[in-house]
Amino acid sequence: LADPGRPLSALEVLDPEERELLTGSWAGVKVPGAGEGSLVGRFEEQVARVPERTALVDGERRISYAELNTSANRLARHLAEQGLG
């Protein structure tokens, strides 16, 4: 908010440990079925399979796939109402 003109690509959203996981130890790990379908489609499939399983952890707070999906859909509708695609 302090710099509204800053591009999203310039934001640091991962801490150093998370960045290392993605670029180091997890890099190159093959995921079964990766590349099949869209990311959104694959996420929706996961929601249908295990809606109550934990999707995100933020400190002590745990968010299920169903809760995350509901929040994501709410945000998507809001952005669409604002004219964003």
PDB file of N, CA and C in Angstrom:
ATOM      1  N   LEU A   1       0.810  -1.196   0.000  1.00  0.00           N
ATOM      2  CA  LEU A   1       0.000   0.000   0.000  1.00  0.00           C
ATOM      3  C   LEU A   1       0.852   1.258   0.000  1.00  0.00           C
ATOM      4  N   ALA A   2       2.045   1.142   0.544  1.00  0.00           N
ATOM      5  CA  ALA A   2       2.926   2.303   0.605  1.00  0.00           C
ATOM      6  C   ALA A   2       3.416   2.702  -0.784  1.00  0.00           C
ATOM      7  N   ASP A   3       3.417   1.764  -1.729  1.00  0.00           N
ATOM      8  CA  ASP A   3       3.904   2.036  -3.092  1.00  0.00           C
ATOM      9  C   ASP A   3       2.936   1.408  -4.087  1.00  0.00           C
ATOM     10  N   PRO A   4       1.777   2.064  -4.327  1.00  0.00           N
ATOM     11  CA  PRO A   4       0.757   1.455  -5.183  1.00  0.00           C
ATOM     12  C   PRO A   4       1.178   1.254  -6.633  1.00  0.00           C
ATOM     13  N   GLY A   5       2.220   1.913  -7.073  1.00  0.00           N
ATOM     14  CA  GLY A   5       2.686   1.752  -8.439  1.00  0.00           C
ATOM     15  C   GLY A   5       3.652   0.599  -8.629  1.00  0.00           C
ATOM     16  N   ARG A   6       4.034  -0.026  -7.537  1.00  0.00           N
ATOM     17  CA  ARG A   6       5.000  -1.132  -7.591  1.00  0.00           C
ATOM     18  C   ARG A   6       4.351  -2.359  -8.238  1.00  0.00           C
ATOM     19  N   PRO A   7       5.000  -2.954  -9.237  1.00  0.00           N
ATOM     20  CA  PRO A   7       4.419  -4.138  -9.884  1.00  0.00           C
ATOM     21  C   PRO A   7       4.389  -5.332  -8.934  1.00  0.00           C
ATOM     22  N   LEU A   8       3.384  -6.175  -9.099  1.00  0.00           N
ATOM     23  CA  LEU A   8       3.262  -7.364  -8.258  1.00  0.00           C
ATOM     24  C   LEU A   8       4.496  -8.241  -8.341  1.00  0.00           C
ATOM     25  N   SER A   9       5.116  -8.280  -9.505  1.00  0.00           N
ATOM     26  CA  SER A   9       6.302  -9.126  -9.675  1.00  0.00           C
ATOM     27  C   SER A   9       7.468  -8.675  -8.796  1.00  0.00           C
ATOM     28  N   ALA A  10       7.418  -7.456  -8.289  1.00  0.00           N
ATOM     29  CA  ALA A  10       8.495  -6.944  -7.443  1.00  0.00           C
ATOM     30  C   ALA A  10       8.267  -7.227  -5.973  1.00  0.00           C
ATOM     31  N   LEU A  11       7.113  -7.771  -5.620  1.00  0.00           N
ATOM     32  CA  LEU A  11       6.813  -8.052  -4.221  1.00  0.00           C
ATOM     33  C   LEU A  11       7.477  -9.351  -3.776  1.00  0.00           C
ATOM     34  N   GLU A  12       8.025  -9.331  -2.582  1.00  0.00           N
ATOM     35  CA  GLU A  12       8.608 -10.525  -1.986  1.00  0.00           C
ATOM     36  C   GLU A  12       7.511 -11.210  -1.178  1.00  0.00           C
ATOM     37  N   VAL A  13       7.006 -12.329  -1.655  1.00  0.00           N
ATOM     38  CA  VAL A  13       5.926 -13.012  -0.960  1.00  0.00           C
ATOM     39  C   VAL A  13       6.397 -14.290  -0.263  1.00  0.00           C
ATOM     40  N   LEU A  14       7.609 -14.704  -0.536  1.00  0.00           N
ATOM     41  CA  LEU A  14       8.165 -15.900   0.092  1.00  0.00           C
ATOM     42  C   LEU A  14       9.294 -15.502   1.030  1.00  0.00           C
ATOM     43  N   ASP A  15       9.363 -16.182   2.166  1.00  0.00           N
ATOM     44  CA  ASP A  15      10.517 -15.950   3.022  1.00  0.00           C
ATOM     45  C   ASP A  15      11.681 -16.773   2.458  1.00  0.00           C
ATOM     46  N   PRO A  16      12.899 -16.530   2.913  1.00  0.00           N
ATOM     47  CA  PRO A  16      14.061 -17.241   2.347  1.00  0.00           C
ATOM     48  C   PRO A  16      13.949 -18.766   2.398  1.00  0.00           C
ATOM     49  N   GLU A  17      13.369 -19.319   3.477  1.00  0.00           N
ATOM     50  CA  GLU A  17      13.237 -20.775   3.573  1.00  0.00           C
ATOM     51  C   GLU A  17      12.281 -21.312   2.511  1.00  0.00           C
ATOM     52  N   GLU A  18      11.162 -20.611   2.296  1.00  0.00           N
ATOM     53  CA  GLU A  18      10.204 -21.047   1.274  1.00  0.00           C
ATOM     54  C   GLU A  18      10.822 -20.956  -0.120  1.00  0.00           C
ATOM     55  N   ARG A  19      11.546 -19.870  -0.373  1.00  0.00           N
ATOM     56  CA  ARG A  19      12.203 -19.698  -1.680  1.00  0.00           C
ATOM     57  C   ARG A  19      13.193 -20.828  -1.917  1.00  0.00           C
ATOM     58  N   GLU A  20      13.940 -21.220  -0.890  1.00  0.00           N
ATOM     59  CA  GLU A  20      14.911 -22.311  -1.020  1.00  0.00           C
ATOM     60  C   GLU A  20      14.218 -23.625  -1.346  1.00  0.00           C
ATOM     61  N   LEU A  21      13.073 -23.879  -0.715  1.00  0.00           N
ATOM     62  CA  LEU A  21      12.333 -25.103  -1.016  1.00  0.00           C
ATOM     63  C   LEU A  21      11.944 -25.152  -2.490  1.00  0.00           C
ATOM     64  N   LEU A  22      11.456 -24.046  -3.003  1.00  0.00           N
ATOM     65  CA  LEU A  22      10.972 -24.025  -4.376  1.00  0.00           C
ATOM     66  C   LEU A  22      12.099 -24.037  -5.400  1.00  0.00           C
ATOM     67  N   THR A  23      13.207 -23.408  -5.065  1.00  0.00           N
ATOM     68  CA  THR A  23      14.302 -23.340  -6.035  1.00  0.00           C
ATOM     69  C   THR A  23      15.388 -24.364  -5.773  1.00  0.00           C
ATOM     70  N   GLY A  24      15.384 -24.955  -4.590  1.00  0.00           N
ATOM     71  CA  GLY A  24      16.429 -25.907  -4.224  1.00  0.00           C
ATOM     72  C   GLY A  24      15.918 -27.315  -4.128  1.00  0.00           C
ATOM     73  N   SER A  25      15.555 -27.713  -2.912  1.00  0.00           N
ATOM     74  CA  SER A  25      15.246 -29.118  -2.662  1.00  0.00           C
ATOM     75  C   SER A  25      14.022 -29.630  -3.406  1.00  0.00           C
ATOM     76  N   TRP A  26      13.051 -28.783  -3.714  1.00  0.00           N
ATOM     77  CA  TRP A  26      11.868 -29.243  -4.449  1.00  0.00           C
ATOM     78  C   TRP A  26      12.007 -29.067  -5.955  1.00  0.00           C
ATOM     79  N   ALA A  27      12.967 -28.292  -6.384  1.00  0.00           N
ATOM     80  CA  ALA A  27      13.128 -28.040  -7.813  1.00  0.00           C
ATOM     81  C   ALA A  27      13.391 -29.347  -8.540  1.00  0.00           C
ATOM     82  N   GLY A  28      12.686 -29.570  -9.592  1.00  0.00           N
ATOM     83  CA  GLY A  28      12.881 -30.762 -10.389  1.00  0.00           C
ATOM     84  C   GLY A  28      12.130 -31.986  -9.905  1.00  0.00           C
ATOM     85  N   VAL A  29      11.424 -31.879  -8.781  1.00  0.00           N
ATOM     86  CA  VAL A  29      10.638 -33.012  -8.282  1.00  0.00           C
ATOM     87  C   VAL A  29       9.456 -33.221  -9.221  1.00  0.00           C
ATOM     88  N   LYS A  30       9.278 -34.436  -9.671  1.00  0.00           N
ATOM     89  CA  LYS A  30       8.184 -34.753 -10.585  1.00  0.00           C
ATOM     90  C   LYS A  30       6.904 -34.998  -9.792  1.00  0.00           C
ATOM     91  N   VAL A  31       5.841 -34.354 -10.198  1.00  0.00           N
ATOM     92  CA  VAL A  31       4.543 -34.504  -9.549  1.00  0.00           C
ATOM     93  C   VAL A  31       3.653 -35.309 -10.476  1.00  0.00           C
ATOM     94  N   PRO A  32       3.084 -36.409  -9.996  1.00  0.00           N
ATOM     95  CA  PRO A  32       2.213 -37.209 -10.861  1.00  0.00           C
ATOM     96  C   PRO A  32       1.075 -36.363 -11.432  1.00  0.00           C
ATOM     97  N   GLY A  33       0.900 -36.439 -12.731  1.00  0.00           N
ATOM     98  CA  GLY A  33      -0.184 -35.717 -13.380  1.00  0.00           C
ATOM     99  C   GLY A  33       0.101 -34.256 -13.649  1.00  0.00           C
ATOM    100  N   ALA A  34       1.287 -33.765 -13.284  1.00  0.00           N
ATOM    101  CA  ALA A  34       1.601 -32.359 -13.521  1.00  0.00           C
ATOM    102  C   ALA A  34       1.526 -32.053 -15.008  1.00  0.00           C
ATOM    103  N   GLY A  35       0.997 -30.910 -15.322  1.00  0.00           N
ATOM    104  CA  GLY A  35       0.891 -30.499 -16.713  1.00  0.00           C
ATOM    105  C   GLY A  35      -0.427 -30.873 -17.348  1.00  0.00           C
ATOM    106  N   GLU A  36      -1.244 -31.640 -16.652  1.00  0.00           N
ATOM    107  CA  GLU A  36      -2.540 -32.033 -17.184  1.00  0.00           C
ATOM    108  C   GLU A  36      -3.603 -31.081 -16.661  1.00  0.00           C
ATOM    109  N   GLY A  37      -4.308 -30.399 -17.533  1.00  0.00           N
ATOM    110  CA  GLY A  37      -5.368 -29.495 -17.119  1.00  0.00           C
ATOM    111  C   GLY A  37      -4.827 -28.196 -16.558  1.00  0.00           C
ATOM    112  N   SER A  38      -5.738 -27.279 -16.288  1.00  0.00           N
ATOM    113  CA  SER A  38      -5.342 -25.985 -15.745  1.00  0.00           C
ATOM    114  C   SER A  38      -5.113 -26.075 -14.245  1.00  0.00           C
ATOM    115  N   LEU A  39      -4.406 -25.122 -13.724  1.00  0.00           N
ATOM    116  CA  LEU A  39      -4.174 -25.056 -12.287  1.00  0.00           C
ATOM    117  C   LEU A  39      -5.509 -24.942 -11.548  1.00  0.00           C
ATOM    118  N   VAL A  40      -6.389 -24.104 -12.060  1.00  0.00           N
ATOM    119  CA  VAL A  40      -7.701 -23.926 -11.434  1.00  0.00           C
ATOM    120  C   VAL A  40      -8.477 -25.246 -11.450  1.00  0.00           C
ATOM    121  N   GLY A  41      -8.458 -25.930 -12.587  1.00  0.00           N
ATOM    122  CA  GLY A  41      -9.155 -27.205 -12.694  1.00  0.00           C
ATOM    123  C   GLY A  41      -8.607 -28.241 -11.730  1.00  0.00           C
ATOM    124  N   ARG A  42      -7.297 -28.289 -11.611  1.00  0.00           N
ATOM    125  CA  ARG A  42      -6.670 -29.260 -10.708  1.00  0.00           C
ATOM    126  C   ARG A  42      -7.000 -28.922  -9.257  1.00  0.00           C
ATOM    127  N   PHE A  43      -7.032 -27.627  -8.936  1.00  0.00           N
ATOM    128  CA  PHE A  43      -7.395 -27.230  -7.576  1.00  0.00           C
ATOM    129  C   PHE A  43      -8.844 -27.616  -7.283  1.00  0.00           C
ATOM    130  N   GLU A  44      -9.750 -27.355  -8.218  1.00  0.00           N
ATOM    131  CA  GLU A  44     -11.158 -27.709  -8.034  1.00  0.00           C
ATOM    132  C   GLU A  44     -11.309 -29.228  -7.842  1.00  0.00           C
ATOM    133  N   GLU A  45     -10.521 -30.015  -8.549  1.00  0.00           N
ATOM    134  CA  GLU A  45     -10.558 -31.471  -8.365  1.00  0.00           C
ATOM    135  C   GLU A  45     -10.130 -31.846  -6.947  1.00  0.00           C
ATOM    136  N   GLN A  46      -9.099 -31.172  -6.443  1.00  0.00           N
ATOM    137  CA  GLN A  46      -8.626 -31.440  -5.083  1.00  0.00           C
ATOM    138  C   GLN A  46      -9.697 -31.052  -4.065  1.00  0.00           C
ATOM    139  N   VAL A  47     -10.366 -29.937  -4.289  1.00  0.00           N
ATOM    140  CA  VAL A  47     -11.449 -29.507  -3.397  1.00  0.00           C
ATOM    141  C   VAL A  47     -12.536 -30.582  -3.361  1.00  0.00           C
ATOM    142  N   ALA A  48     -12.897 -31.116  -4.518  1.00  0.00           N
ATOM    143  CA  ALA A  48     -13.946 -32.133  -4.586  1.00  0.00           C
ATOM    144  C   ALA A  48     -13.519 -33.427  -3.886  1.00  0.00           C
ATOM    145  N   ARG A  49     -12.223 -33.774  -3.997  1.00  0.00           N
ATOM    146  CA  ARG A  49     -11.724 -35.013  -3.405  1.00  0.00           C
ATOM    147  C   ARG A  49     -11.615 -34.941  -1.886  1.00  0.00           C
ATOM    148  N   VAL A  50     -11.032 -33.864  -1.385  1.00  0.00           N
ATOM    149  CA  VAL A  50     -10.727 -33.769   0.053  1.00  0.00           C
ATOM    150  C   VAL A  50     -11.057 -32.372   0.589  1.00  0.00           C
ATOM    151  N   PRO A  51     -12.330 -31.975   0.587  1.00  0.00           N
ATOM    152  CA  PRO A  51     -12.694 -30.604   0.949  1.00  0.00           C
ATOM    153  C   PRO A  51     -12.281 -30.187   2.360  1.00  0.00           C
ATOM    154  N   GLU A  52     -12.246 -31.123   3.288  1.00  0.00           N
ATOM    155  CA  GLU A  52     -11.934 -30.759   4.676  1.00  0.00           C
ATOM    156  C   GLU A  52     -10.452 -30.861   5.016  1.00  0.00           C
ATOM    157  N   ARG A  53      -9.641 -31.375   4.091  1.00  0.00           N
ATOM    158  CA  ARG A  53      -8.198 -31.494   4.344  1.00  0.00           C
ATOM    159  C   ARG A  53      -7.575 -30.093   4.371  1.00  0.00           C
ATOM    160  N   THR A  54      -6.539 -29.920   5.161  1.00  0.00           N
ATOM    161  CA  THR A  54      -5.865 -28.627   5.276  1.00  0.00           C
ATOM    162  C   THR A  54      -5.148 -28.285   3.980  1.00  0.00           C
ATOM    163  N   ALA A  55      -5.436 -27.081   3.482  1.00  0.00           N
ATOM    164  CA  ALA A  55      -4.799 -26.585   2.264  1.00  0.00           C
ATOM    165  C   ALA A  55      -3.695 -25.586   2.594  1.00  0.00           C
ATOM    166  N   LEU A  56      -3.914 -24.769   3.620  1.00  0.00           N
ATOM    167  CA  LEU A  56      -2.953 -23.733   4.014  1.00  0.00           C
ATOM    168  C   LEU A  56      -2.803 -23.708   5.526  1.00  0.00           C
ATOM    169  N   VAL A  57      -1.594 -23.369   5.968  1.00  0.00           N
ATOM    170  CA  VAL A  57      -1.339 -23.173   7.388  1.00  0.00           C
ATOM    171  C   VAL A  57      -0.651 -21.822   7.532  1.00  0.00           C
ATOM    172  N   ASP A  58      -1.205 -20.992   8.419  1.00  0.00           N
ATOM    173  CA  ASP A  58      -0.628 -19.683   8.707  1.00  0.00           C
ATOM    174  C   ASP A  58      -0.513 -19.571  10.220  1.00  0.00           C
ATOM    175  N   GLY A  59       0.656 -19.909  10.723  1.00  0.00           N
ATOM    176  CA  GLY A  59       0.827 -19.932  12.165  1.00  0.00           C
ATOM    177  C   GLY A  59      -0.049 -21.020  12.767  1.00  0.00           C
ATOM    178  N   GLU A  60      -0.975 -20.625  13.617  1.00  0.00           N
ATOM    179  CA  GLU A  60      -1.896 -21.568  14.243  1.00  0.00           C
ATOM    180  C   GLU A  60      -3.155 -21.788  13.406  1.00  0.00           C
ATOM    181  N   ARG A  61      -3.395 -20.948  12.429  1.00  0.00           N
ATOM    182  CA  ARG A  61      -4.620 -21.024  11.632  1.00  0.00           C
ATOM    183  C   ARG A  61      -4.456 -22.027  10.490  1.00  0.00           C
ATOM    184  N   ARG A  62      -5.458 -22.888  10.348  1.00  0.00           N
ATOM    185  CA  ARG A  62      -5.487 -23.875   9.267  1.00  0.00           C
ATOM    186  C   ARG A  62      -6.715 -23.604   8.410  1.00  0.00           C
ATOM    187  N   ILE A  63      -6.533 -23.646   7.097  1.00  0.00           N
ATOM    188  CA  ILE A  63      -7.625 -23.375   6.161  1.00  0.00           C
ATOM    189  C   ILE A  63      -7.813 -24.607   5.292  1.00  0.00           C
ATOM    190  N   SER A  64      -9.040 -25.100   5.238  1.00  0.00           N
ATOM    191  CA  SER A  64      -9.334 -26.295   4.442  1.00  0.00           C
ATOM    192  C   SER A  64      -9.428 -25.924   2.967  1.00  0.00           C
ATOM    193  N   TYR A  65      -9.394 -26.952   2.123  1.00  0.00           N
ATOM    194  CA  TYR A  65      -9.566 -26.716   0.691  1.00  0.00           C
ATOM    195  C   TYR A  65     -10.914 -26.069   0.402  1.00  0.00           C
ATOM    196  N   ALA A  66     -11.967 -26.510   1.092  1.00  0.00           N
ATOM    197  CA  ALA A  66     -13.299 -25.940   0.877  1.00  0.00           C
ATOM    198  C   ALA A  66     -13.319 -24.460   1.257  1.00  0.00           C
ATOM    199  N   GLU A  67     -12.728 -24.107   2.396  1.00  0.00           N
ATOM    200  CA  GLU A  67     -12.685 -22.711   2.835  1.00  0.00           C
ATOM    201  C   GLU A  67     -11.873 -21.860   1.862  1.00  0.00           C
ATOM    202  N   LEU A  68     -10.741 -22.380   1.429  1.00  0.00           N
ATOM    203  CA  LEU A  68      -9.892 -21.653   0.491  1.00  0.00           C
ATOM    204  C   LEU A  68     -10.618 -21.442  -0.835  1.00  0.00           C
ATOM    205  N   ASN A  69     -11.307 -22.468  -1.296  1.00  0.00           N
ATOM    206  CA  ASN A  69     -12.052 -22.367  -2.544  1.00  0.00           C
ATOM    207  C   ASN A  69     -13.155 -21.312  -2.438  1.00  0.00           C
ATOM    208  N   THR A  70     -13.880 -21.308  -1.329  1.00  0.00           N
ATOM    209  CA  THR A  70     -14.932 -20.318  -1.116  1.00  0.00           C
ATOM    210  C   THR A  70     -14.354 -18.908  -1.121  1.00  0.00           C
ATOM    211  N   SER A  71     -13.254 -18.706  -0.425  1.00  0.00           N
ATOM    212  CA  SER A  71     -12.618 -17.386  -0.380  1.00  0.00           C
ATOM    213  C   SER A  71     -12.101 -16.963  -1.749  1.00  0.00           C
ATOM    214  N   ALA A  72     -11.488 -17.896  -2.462  1.00  0.00           N
ATOM    215  CA  ALA A  72     -10.957 -17.585  -3.792  1.00  0.00           C
ATOM    216  C   ALA A  72     -12.084 -17.211  -4.751  1.00  0.00           C
ATOM    217  N   ASN A  73     -13.186 -17.951  -4.691  1.00  0.00           N
ATOM    218  CA  ASN A  73     -14.323 -17.639  -5.564  1.00  0.00           C
ATOM    219  C   ASN A  73     -14.931 -16.289  -5.214  1.00  0.00           C
ATOM    220  N   ARG A  74     -15.014 -15.967  -3.927  1.00  0.00           N
ATOM    221  CA  ARG A  74     -15.534 -14.671  -3.498  1.00  0.00           C
ATOM    222  C   ARG A  74     -14.646 -13.546  -4.036  1.00  0.00           C
ATOM    223  N   LEU A  75     -13.336 -13.713  -3.918  1.00  0.00           N
ATOM    224  CA  LEU A  75     -12.405 -12.708  -4.424  1.00  0.00           C
ATOM    225  C   LEU A  75     -12.517 -12.582  -5.933  1.00  0.00           C
ATOM    226  N   ALA A  76     -12.624 -13.703  -6.639  1.00  0.00           N
ATOM    227  CA  ALA A  76     -12.739 -13.668  -8.099  1.00  0.00           C
ATOM    228  C   ALA A  76     -13.997 -12.918  -8.532  1.00  0.00           C
ATOM    229  N   ARG A  77     -15.112 -13.174  -7.850  1.00  0.00           N
ATOM    230  CA  ARG A  77     -16.358 -12.451  -8.176  1.00  0.00           C
ATOM    231  C   ARG A  77     -16.199 -10.958  -7.936  1.00  0.00           C
ATOM    232  N   HIS A  78     -15.580 -10.607  -6.811  1.00  0.00           N
ATOM    233  CA  HIS A  78     -15.358  -9.197  -6.510  1.00  0.00           C
ATOM    234  C   HIS A  78     -14.490  -8.526  -7.565  1.00  0.00           C
ATOM    235  N   LEU A  79     -13.412  -9.177  -7.963  1.00  0.00           N
ATOM    236  CA  LEU A  79     -12.532  -8.611  -8.992  1.00  0.00           C
ATOM    237  C   LEU A  79     -13.262  -8.477 -10.324  1.00  0.00           C
ATOM    238  N   ALA A  80     -14.088  -9.456 -10.666  1.00  0.00           N
ATOM    239  CA  ALA A  80     -14.857  -9.391 -11.916  1.00  0.00           C
ATOM    240  C   ALA A  80     -15.843  -8.225 -11.858  1.00  0.00           C
ATOM    241  N   GLU A  81     -16.465  -8.007 -10.704  1.00  0.00           N
ATOM    242  CA  GLU A  81     -17.395  -6.882 -10.553  1.00  0.00           C
ATOM    243  C   GLU A  81     -16.686  -5.548 -10.709  1.00  0.00           C
ATOM    244  N   GLN A  82     -15.392  -5.525 -10.396  1.00  0.00           N
ATOM    245  CA  GLN A  82     -14.594  -4.312 -10.542  1.00  0.00           C
ATOM    246  C   GLN A  82     -14.047  -4.136 -11.958  1.00  0.00           C
ATOM    247  N   GLY A  83     -14.382  -5.079 -12.835  1.00  0.00           N
ATOM    248  CA  GLY A  83     -13.953  -4.988 -14.229  1.00  0.00           C
ATOM    249  C   GLY A  83     -12.650  -5.696 -14.534  1.00  0.00           C
ATOM    250  N   LEU A  84     -12.119  -6.448 -13.578  1.00  0.00           N
ATOM    251  CA  LEU A  84     -10.860  -7.171 -13.810  1.00  0.00           C
ATOM    252  C   LEU A  84     -11.163  -8.559 -14.321  1.00  0.00           C
ATOM    253  N   GLY A  85     -10.301  -9.062 -15.207  1.00  0.00           N
ATOM    254  CA  GLY A  85     -10.508 -10.382 -15.762  1.00  0.00           C
ATOM    255  C   GLY A  85      -9.425 -11.325 -15.385  1.00  0.00           C
TER     256      GLY A  85
END
